N, C-alpha and C. Protein backbone atom coordinates (compact mmCIF):
# COMPACT_ATOMS: atom_id res chain seq x y z
N MET A 1 110.86 74.66 134.11
CA MET A 1 109.99 73.66 133.51
C MET A 1 108.39 73.93 133.70
N PHE A 2 107.24 74.05 132.87
CA PHE A 2 105.99 74.19 133.10
C PHE A 2 105.19 72.97 133.88
N ASN A 3 104.44 73.68 134.61
CA ASN A 3 103.35 72.89 135.70
C ASN A 3 102.21 73.16 135.03
N TYR A 4 101.28 72.01 134.03
CA TYR A 4 100.06 71.96 133.75
C TYR A 4 99.31 70.73 133.84
N SER A 5 98.58 70.72 133.88
CA SER A 5 97.30 69.38 134.15
C SER A 5 96.50 69.12 132.72
N ILE A 6 96.19 68.35 132.61
CA ILE A 6 95.19 68.19 131.48
C ILE A 6 94.26 66.85 131.95
N VAL A 7 92.86 67.31 131.76
CA VAL A 7 91.65 66.56 132.18
C VAL A 7 90.51 66.73 131.12
N THR A 8 89.87 65.98 131.31
CA THR A 8 88.62 66.16 130.40
C THR A 8 87.70 66.98 130.90
N TYR A 9 87.13 67.67 130.00
CA TYR A 9 86.17 68.85 130.35
C TYR A 9 84.81 68.22 131.17
N ASN A 10 84.56 68.76 132.14
CA ASN A 10 83.42 68.65 132.82
C ASN A 10 82.97 69.99 133.63
N PRO A 11 81.76 69.94 133.18
CA PRO A 11 81.40 71.29 133.16
C PRO A 11 80.63 71.35 135.08
N LYS A 12 80.88 70.68 135.67
CA LYS A 12 80.59 70.66 136.95
C LYS A 12 82.00 71.42 137.49
N ASN A 13 82.87 70.74 136.95
CA ASN A 13 84.00 71.46 137.59
C ASN A 13 84.17 72.68 137.30
N ASP A 14 85.47 73.42 138.74
CA ASP A 14 85.49 75.06 138.12
C ASP A 14 87.18 75.21 138.33
N PHE A 15 87.25 75.86 137.63
CA PHE A 15 88.70 75.88 137.13
C PHE A 15 89.21 77.31 137.78
N SER A 16 90.06 77.13 138.56
CA SER A 16 89.86 78.94 139.45
C SER A 16 91.53 79.41 138.48
N GLN A 17 92.20 78.45 138.17
CA GLN A 17 93.92 78.61 137.63
C GLN A 17 93.45 78.97 135.97
N PRO A 18 94.46 79.55 135.17
CA PRO A 18 94.22 80.26 134.23
C PRO A 18 94.42 78.59 133.47
N HIS A 19 93.38 78.87 132.17
CA HIS A 19 93.46 77.50 131.22
C HIS A 19 92.72 77.81 130.03
N PHE A 20 92.29 76.78 129.34
CA PHE A 20 91.95 77.19 128.12
C PHE A 20 91.95 75.25 127.65
N TYR A 21 91.32 74.98 126.31
CA TYR A 21 90.30 73.98 126.12
C TYR A 21 91.26 73.71 124.54
N ILE A 22 91.04 71.99 124.30
CA ILE A 22 91.41 71.58 123.55
C ILE A 22 90.05 70.73 122.78
N LEU A 23 89.69 71.06 121.67
CA LEU A 23 89.08 70.17 120.93
C LEU A 23 89.15 68.82 120.39
N CYS A 24 88.00 67.63 121.25
CA CYS A 24 88.73 65.95 120.96
C CYS A 24 88.20 65.17 120.14
N LYS A 25 86.69 65.69 119.54
CA LYS A 25 86.55 65.35 118.52
C LYS A 25 85.90 65.62 117.99
N GLY A 26 85.80 65.16 116.26
CA GLY A 26 85.74 65.33 114.98
C GLY A 26 87.25 65.89 114.55
N LEU A 27 87.43 66.28 113.36
CA LEU A 27 88.77 66.68 112.15
C LEU A 27 89.50 67.99 112.53
N ASN A 28 89.00 68.63 113.60
CA ASN A 28 89.33 69.61 114.24
C ASN A 28 90.44 69.18 115.32
N SER A 29 89.91 68.31 116.19
CA SER A 29 90.86 67.61 117.28
C SER A 29 92.50 68.01 117.35
N GLY A 30 92.48 68.52 118.40
CA GLY A 30 93.75 69.06 118.46
C GLY A 30 93.54 70.53 118.25
N LYS A 31 92.49 71.58 118.40
CA LYS A 31 92.08 72.71 118.24
C LYS A 31 92.11 73.62 119.40
N PRO A 32 92.92 74.21 119.82
CA PRO A 32 93.07 74.86 121.38
C PRO A 32 91.71 75.96 121.11
N LEU A 33 91.18 76.31 122.32
CA LEU A 33 89.88 76.85 122.16
C LEU A 33 89.76 77.88 123.75
N LEU A 34 89.46 78.64 123.64
CA LEU A 34 88.92 79.58 125.12
C LEU A 34 87.84 79.79 125.55
N LYS A 35 86.88 79.17 124.44
CA LYS A 35 85.62 78.98 125.43
C LYS A 35 85.18 77.37 125.51
N PRO A 36 84.30 76.70 126.62
CA PRO A 36 84.53 74.85 126.45
C PRO A 36 83.16 74.55 125.43
N CYS A 37 83.42 72.96 124.88
CA CYS A 37 82.58 72.77 124.35
C CYS A 37 82.21 71.32 124.83
N PRO A 38 81.36 70.46 124.38
CA PRO A 38 81.31 69.32 125.10
C PRO A 38 82.36 68.09 125.14
N ASN A 39 82.74 68.31 123.96
CA ASN A 39 83.82 67.25 123.67
C ASN A 39 85.14 68.06 123.65
N CYS A 40 86.23 68.14 125.21
CA CYS A 40 87.40 69.02 124.91
C CYS A 40 88.06 68.76 126.11
N PHE A 41 88.98 68.57 126.16
CA PHE A 41 90.04 68.61 127.31
C PHE A 41 90.21 70.19 127.92
N VAL A 42 91.00 70.21 129.45
CA VAL A 42 91.24 70.85 129.76
C VAL A 42 92.39 71.48 130.55
N ILE A 43 93.50 72.37 129.26
CA ILE A 43 94.70 72.34 129.88
C ILE A 43 94.65 73.44 130.88
N SER A 44 95.44 73.19 132.28
CA SER A 44 95.48 74.25 133.53
C SER A 44 96.52 74.45 133.73
N CYS A 45 97.11 75.64 133.94
CA CYS A 45 98.65 76.14 134.39
C CYS A 45 98.68 77.08 135.43
N ASN A 46 99.69 77.40 135.82
CA ASN A 46 99.55 78.35 137.21
C ASN A 46 99.84 79.44 136.89
N THR A 47 100.74 79.66 135.54
CA THR A 47 100.08 81.18 135.85
C THR A 47 99.30 82.28 134.08
N GLN A 48 99.17 83.05 133.65
CA GLN A 48 98.64 83.31 132.70
C GLN A 48 99.73 83.25 131.58
N GLN A 49 101.03 83.64 131.72
CA GLN A 49 102.14 83.52 130.82
C GLN A 49 102.20 82.01 130.43
N GLU A 50 102.31 81.27 131.40
CA GLU A 50 102.49 79.49 130.73
C GLU A 50 101.10 79.66 130.02
N LYS A 51 99.56 79.89 130.53
CA LYS A 51 98.87 79.69 129.73
C LYS A 51 98.97 80.33 128.06
N GLU A 52 99.05 81.89 128.09
CA GLU A 52 99.53 82.04 126.59
C GLU A 52 100.26 81.31 126.08
N PHE A 53 101.75 80.61 126.39
CA PHE A 53 102.73 80.05 125.85
C PHE A 53 102.44 79.00 125.40
N LEU A 54 101.82 78.11 126.16
CA LEU A 54 101.24 76.52 126.10
C LEU A 54 99.99 76.41 125.07
N TYR A 55 99.23 77.89 125.08
CA TYR A 55 98.08 77.58 123.94
C TYR A 55 98.78 77.68 122.64
N TRP A 56 99.40 78.76 122.45
CA TRP A 56 100.32 78.91 121.09
C TRP A 56 101.27 77.94 120.41
N VAL A 57 101.74 76.77 121.48
CA VAL A 57 102.28 76.03 121.11
C VAL A 57 101.40 74.85 120.98
N CYS A 58 100.10 75.10 121.62
CA CYS A 58 98.80 74.42 120.60
C CYS A 58 98.35 74.85 119.72
N TYR A 59 98.32 75.37 119.26
CA TYR A 59 97.73 76.63 118.26
C TYR A 59 98.40 75.73 117.25
N SER A 60 99.78 76.60 117.07
CA SER A 60 100.92 75.85 115.85
C SER A 60 100.63 74.74 115.50
N LEU A 61 100.76 73.73 116.62
CA LEU A 61 100.87 72.49 116.42
C LEU A 61 99.39 71.98 115.68
N TRP A 62 98.44 72.54 116.16
CA TRP A 62 97.33 72.13 115.61
C TRP A 62 97.42 72.64 113.93
N GLN A 63 97.40 74.42 113.78
CA GLN A 63 97.78 74.43 112.07
C GLN A 63 98.68 73.56 111.27
N GLY A 64 99.68 73.14 112.15
CA GLY A 64 101.04 72.22 111.00
C GLY A 64 100.37 70.83 110.79
N LYS A 65 98.62 70.37 111.78
CA LYS A 65 98.17 69.23 111.22
C LYS A 65 98.91 68.01 112.40
N ALA A 66 99.82 68.35 113.58
CA ALA A 66 101.00 67.54 113.96
C ALA A 66 99.39 66.24 114.91
N PHE A 67 98.31 66.36 114.93
CA PHE A 67 97.86 65.82 115.79
C PHE A 67 97.23 64.40 114.93
N TYR A 68 97.05 64.88 113.35
CA TYR A 68 96.29 63.98 112.61
C TYR A 68 96.16 62.16 113.21
N HIS A 69 98.65 62.02 113.31
CA HIS A 69 98.71 60.69 113.73
C HIS A 69 97.65 59.86 114.46
N LEU A 70 97.14 60.98 115.74
CA LEU A 70 96.45 60.94 116.93
C LEU A 70 95.32 60.28 116.77
N HIS A 71 94.44 60.57 115.80
CA HIS A 71 93.06 60.78 115.53
C HIS A 71 92.53 59.10 115.43
N THR A 72 91.68 58.86 115.99
CA THR A 72 91.10 57.30 116.08
C THR A 72 89.36 57.67 115.83
N GLY A 73 88.61 56.40 115.63
CA GLY A 73 87.29 55.93 114.71
C GLY A 73 87.75 56.49 113.38
N SER A 74 86.77 55.95 112.76
CA SER A 74 86.23 55.74 111.33
C SER A 74 85.33 56.90 111.11
N VAL A 75 84.36 57.06 112.21
CA VAL A 75 82.98 58.29 111.40
C VAL A 75 83.20 59.43 112.08
N ILE A 76 83.09 59.38 113.35
CA ILE A 76 84.02 60.88 113.63
C ILE A 76 85.12 60.24 114.87
N THR A 77 86.22 61.21 114.13
CA THR A 77 87.38 61.09 114.79
C THR A 77 87.50 61.41 115.98
N PHE A 78 88.47 60.58 116.63
CA PHE A 78 88.25 61.73 117.84
C PHE A 78 90.42 61.26 118.94
N ILE A 79 90.33 61.82 119.92
CA ILE A 79 91.71 61.48 120.13
C ILE A 79 91.52 60.66 121.32
N ARG A 80 92.58 60.35 122.07
CA ARG A 80 92.69 59.77 123.11
C ARG A 80 93.46 60.68 124.22
N ILE A 81 92.81 60.79 125.29
CA ILE A 81 93.50 61.78 126.59
C ILE A 81 95.13 61.10 126.37
N ASN A 82 95.05 59.82 127.13
CA ASN A 82 96.35 59.12 127.16
C ASN A 82 97.36 59.45 126.19
N GLU A 83 97.11 59.63 124.97
CA GLU A 83 97.81 59.08 123.76
C GLU A 83 97.91 61.07 123.67
N TYR A 84 96.98 61.97 124.07
CA TYR A 84 97.39 63.40 124.35
C TYR A 84 98.01 63.76 124.75
N LYS A 85 98.23 63.35 126.17
CA LYS A 85 98.99 63.61 127.02
C LYS A 85 100.68 63.43 126.82
N ALA A 86 101.02 62.30 125.95
CA ALA A 86 102.04 61.83 126.03
C ALA A 86 102.79 62.64 124.79
N PHE A 87 101.87 62.75 123.76
CA PHE A 87 102.15 63.52 122.34
C PHE A 87 102.91 64.91 123.00
N MET A 88 101.88 65.52 124.25
CA MET A 88 101.38 67.06 124.39
C MET A 88 102.98 67.16 125.44
N LYS A 89 103.42 66.16 126.27
CA LYS A 89 104.48 66.22 126.83
C LYS A 89 105.75 66.68 126.48
N GLU A 90 105.56 65.58 125.51
CA GLU A 90 106.86 66.08 124.45
C GLU A 90 107.10 66.87 123.64
N LYS A 91 106.09 67.58 122.99
CA LYS A 91 106.26 68.70 122.68
C LYS A 91 106.82 69.91 123.27
N PHE A 92 105.65 70.36 124.84
CA PHE A 92 105.73 70.95 125.90
C PHE A 92 107.59 71.40 126.23
N THR A 93 107.70 70.14 126.23
CA THR A 93 109.31 69.72 126.61
C THR A 93 110.50 70.43 126.31
N ASN A 94 110.10 69.87 124.88
CA ASN A 94 110.60 70.95 123.47
C ASN A 94 110.79 72.34 123.66
N ALA A 95 109.33 72.23 123.79
CA ALA A 95 109.41 74.61 123.51
C ALA A 95 110.22 74.69 125.01
N PHE A 96 109.84 74.41 125.44
CA PHE A 96 110.23 75.15 127.05
C PHE A 96 112.12 75.32 126.69
N HIS A 97 112.57 73.97 126.05
CA HIS A 97 113.91 73.58 126.11
C HIS A 97 114.96 75.05 124.62
N GLN A 98 113.42 75.39 123.98
CA GLN A 98 114.01 75.67 122.44
C GLN A 98 112.90 77.69 122.90
N LYS A 99 112.32 77.73 123.54
CA LYS A 99 111.94 78.86 124.54
C LYS A 99 111.70 80.22 123.56
N GLU A 100 112.66 80.67 123.43
CA GLU A 100 113.34 81.88 122.25
C GLU A 100 112.31 81.28 121.22
N ARG A 101 113.03 80.57 120.26
CA ARG A 101 112.51 80.49 119.38
C ARG A 101 110.90 80.35 118.88
N HIS A 102 110.78 79.37 120.31
CA HIS A 102 108.98 80.00 119.68
C HIS A 102 108.57 80.74 120.39
N LEU A 103 108.90 81.43 120.92
CA LEU A 103 108.44 83.00 121.25
C LEU A 103 108.63 83.34 120.10
N GLU A 104 109.26 83.46 119.25
CA GLU A 104 109.35 84.18 117.95
C GLU A 104 108.28 84.00 117.13
N GLY A 105 108.30 82.75 116.78
CA GLY A 105 107.24 82.02 116.23
C GLY A 105 105.88 82.47 116.92
N ILE A 106 105.56 82.07 118.05
CA ILE A 106 104.18 82.55 118.64
C ILE A 106 104.20 84.02 118.40
N SER A 107 105.08 85.12 118.30
CA SER A 107 104.70 86.62 118.03
C SER A 107 104.31 86.58 116.38
N LYS A 108 105.04 85.74 115.10
CA LYS A 108 104.38 85.80 113.97
C LYS A 108 103.34 85.05 113.82
N LEU A 109 102.76 84.39 114.74
CA LEU A 109 101.23 83.66 114.05
C LEU A 109 100.47 84.68 115.17
N GLN A 110 100.78 85.44 116.15
CA GLN A 110 99.50 86.38 116.88
C GLN A 110 99.34 87.14 115.42
N GLN A 111 100.27 87.81 115.03
CA GLN A 111 100.62 88.50 113.83
C GLN A 111 99.70 88.33 112.89
N LEU A 112 99.80 87.25 112.65
CA LEU A 112 99.28 86.60 111.25
C LEU A 112 97.63 86.69 111.32
N GLU A 113 97.02 86.24 112.92
CA GLU A 113 95.89 85.62 113.05
C GLU A 113 95.25 87.44 113.30
N ALA A 114 95.91 88.69 113.81
CA ALA A 114 95.26 89.71 113.92
C ALA A 114 95.06 90.05 112.25
N LEU A 115 96.11 89.90 111.22
CA LEU A 115 95.52 90.34 109.83
C LEU A 115 94.61 89.28 109.09
N GLU A 116 94.18 88.20 109.55
CA GLU A 116 93.40 87.23 109.10
C GLU A 116 92.43 87.81 109.67
N LYS A 117 92.49 88.33 111.24
CA LYS A 117 91.26 88.62 111.48
C LYS A 117 90.51 90.07 110.45
N ARG A 118 91.50 91.34 110.27
CA ARG A 118 91.31 92.22 109.86
C ARG A 118 90.89 92.02 108.39
N TYR A 119 91.12 90.60 107.80
CA TYR A 119 90.52 90.60 106.30
C TYR A 119 89.31 90.09 106.64
N LYS A 120 88.84 88.72 107.24
CA LYS A 120 87.94 88.90 107.67
C LYS A 120 86.89 89.50 108.06
N GLN A 121 87.06 90.78 108.36
CA GLN A 121 86.01 91.73 109.02
C GLN A 121 85.71 92.55 107.54
N ASN A 122 87.24 92.86 106.38
CA ASN A 122 86.90 93.25 105.08
C ASN A 122 86.23 92.91 104.35
N LEU A 123 86.14 91.72 104.57
CA LEU A 123 85.09 90.79 103.94
C LEU A 123 84.02 91.06 104.03
N LEU A 124 83.32 90.84 105.63
CA LEU A 124 81.98 91.46 105.82
C LEU A 124 81.37 92.75 105.20
N PHE A 125 82.88 93.43 105.60
CA PHE A 125 82.22 94.85 105.01
C PHE A 125 81.87 94.74 103.41
N ILE A 126 82.60 93.74 102.62
CA ILE A 126 82.39 93.92 101.25
C ILE A 126 81.15 93.33 100.96
N ASN A 127 80.63 92.77 101.35
CA ASN A 127 79.67 91.53 101.25
C ASN A 127 78.08 92.51 101.77
N ASP A 128 78.41 93.26 102.64
CA ASP A 128 77.36 94.40 103.03
C ASP A 128 77.65 95.31 102.01
N ALA A 129 78.51 95.82 101.20
CA ALA A 129 78.59 96.75 100.67
C ALA A 129 77.12 96.37 99.08
N LYS A 130 78.07 94.98 98.43
CA LYS A 130 77.46 94.12 97.39
C LYS A 130 75.54 94.41 98.06
N ARG A 131 75.58 94.00 99.48
CA ARG A 131 73.95 93.40 99.50
C ARG A 131 72.94 95.06 99.49
N SER A 132 73.79 95.64 99.95
CA SER A 132 73.27 97.39 99.86
C SER A 132 73.44 97.77 98.23
N ILE A 133 73.69 97.51 97.71
CA ILE A 133 73.68 97.84 96.02
C ILE A 133 72.85 96.63 95.51
N MET A 134 72.70 96.07 95.75
CA MET A 134 71.76 95.04 95.06
C MET A 134 70.63 95.33 95.37
N HIS A 135 69.78 95.89 96.91
CA HIS A 135 69.14 96.19 97.54
C HIS A 135 68.25 97.37 96.49
N PHE A 136 69.47 98.56 96.62
CA PHE A 136 69.51 99.82 96.02
C PHE A 136 68.81 99.51 94.22
N CYS A 137 69.63 98.71 93.97
CA CYS A 137 69.14 98.36 92.15
C CYS A 137 67.88 97.58 92.11
N ILE A 138 67.68 97.18 92.89
CA ILE A 138 65.88 96.60 93.14
C ILE A 138 64.64 97.28 93.32
N ALA A 139 65.55 98.55 94.19
CA ALA A 139 63.86 99.20 95.04
C ALA A 139 64.18 100.39 93.68
N LYS A 140 64.96 100.51 92.89
CA LYS A 140 65.12 101.71 91.77
C LYS A 140 64.22 101.57 90.73
N LYS A 141 63.58 100.21 90.69
CA LYS A 141 62.32 99.99 89.52
C LYS A 141 61.28 100.64 89.97
């Protein structure tokens, strides 16, 4: 079983263990982050392998919109830490018991993320090419 802790992020605290962040306010609440923001939780683990596994479990839950039922608030939605802890305890336990299945899914998610990153980079190149063509056409006059 994994040994992890979930706490509210405080910039004054220093985390020496492997950790990642979870956005807790807004419509993207539940999204795992590698860098902190003012409105987030911190999930710290014992090992880097645990961190990677738990990060991708959180990422898959966020992509699947599993946190929407935890959203509270009418103007700016947020997730309460106690509700998040209880929900994630159940999900992490299920993931641990079906570890091989989750590792397969995580591998596929990572491949799709890499592909998405390449597509985004290609779109940036296409936009640069369009801009260059337009500047060339305008400068020809």
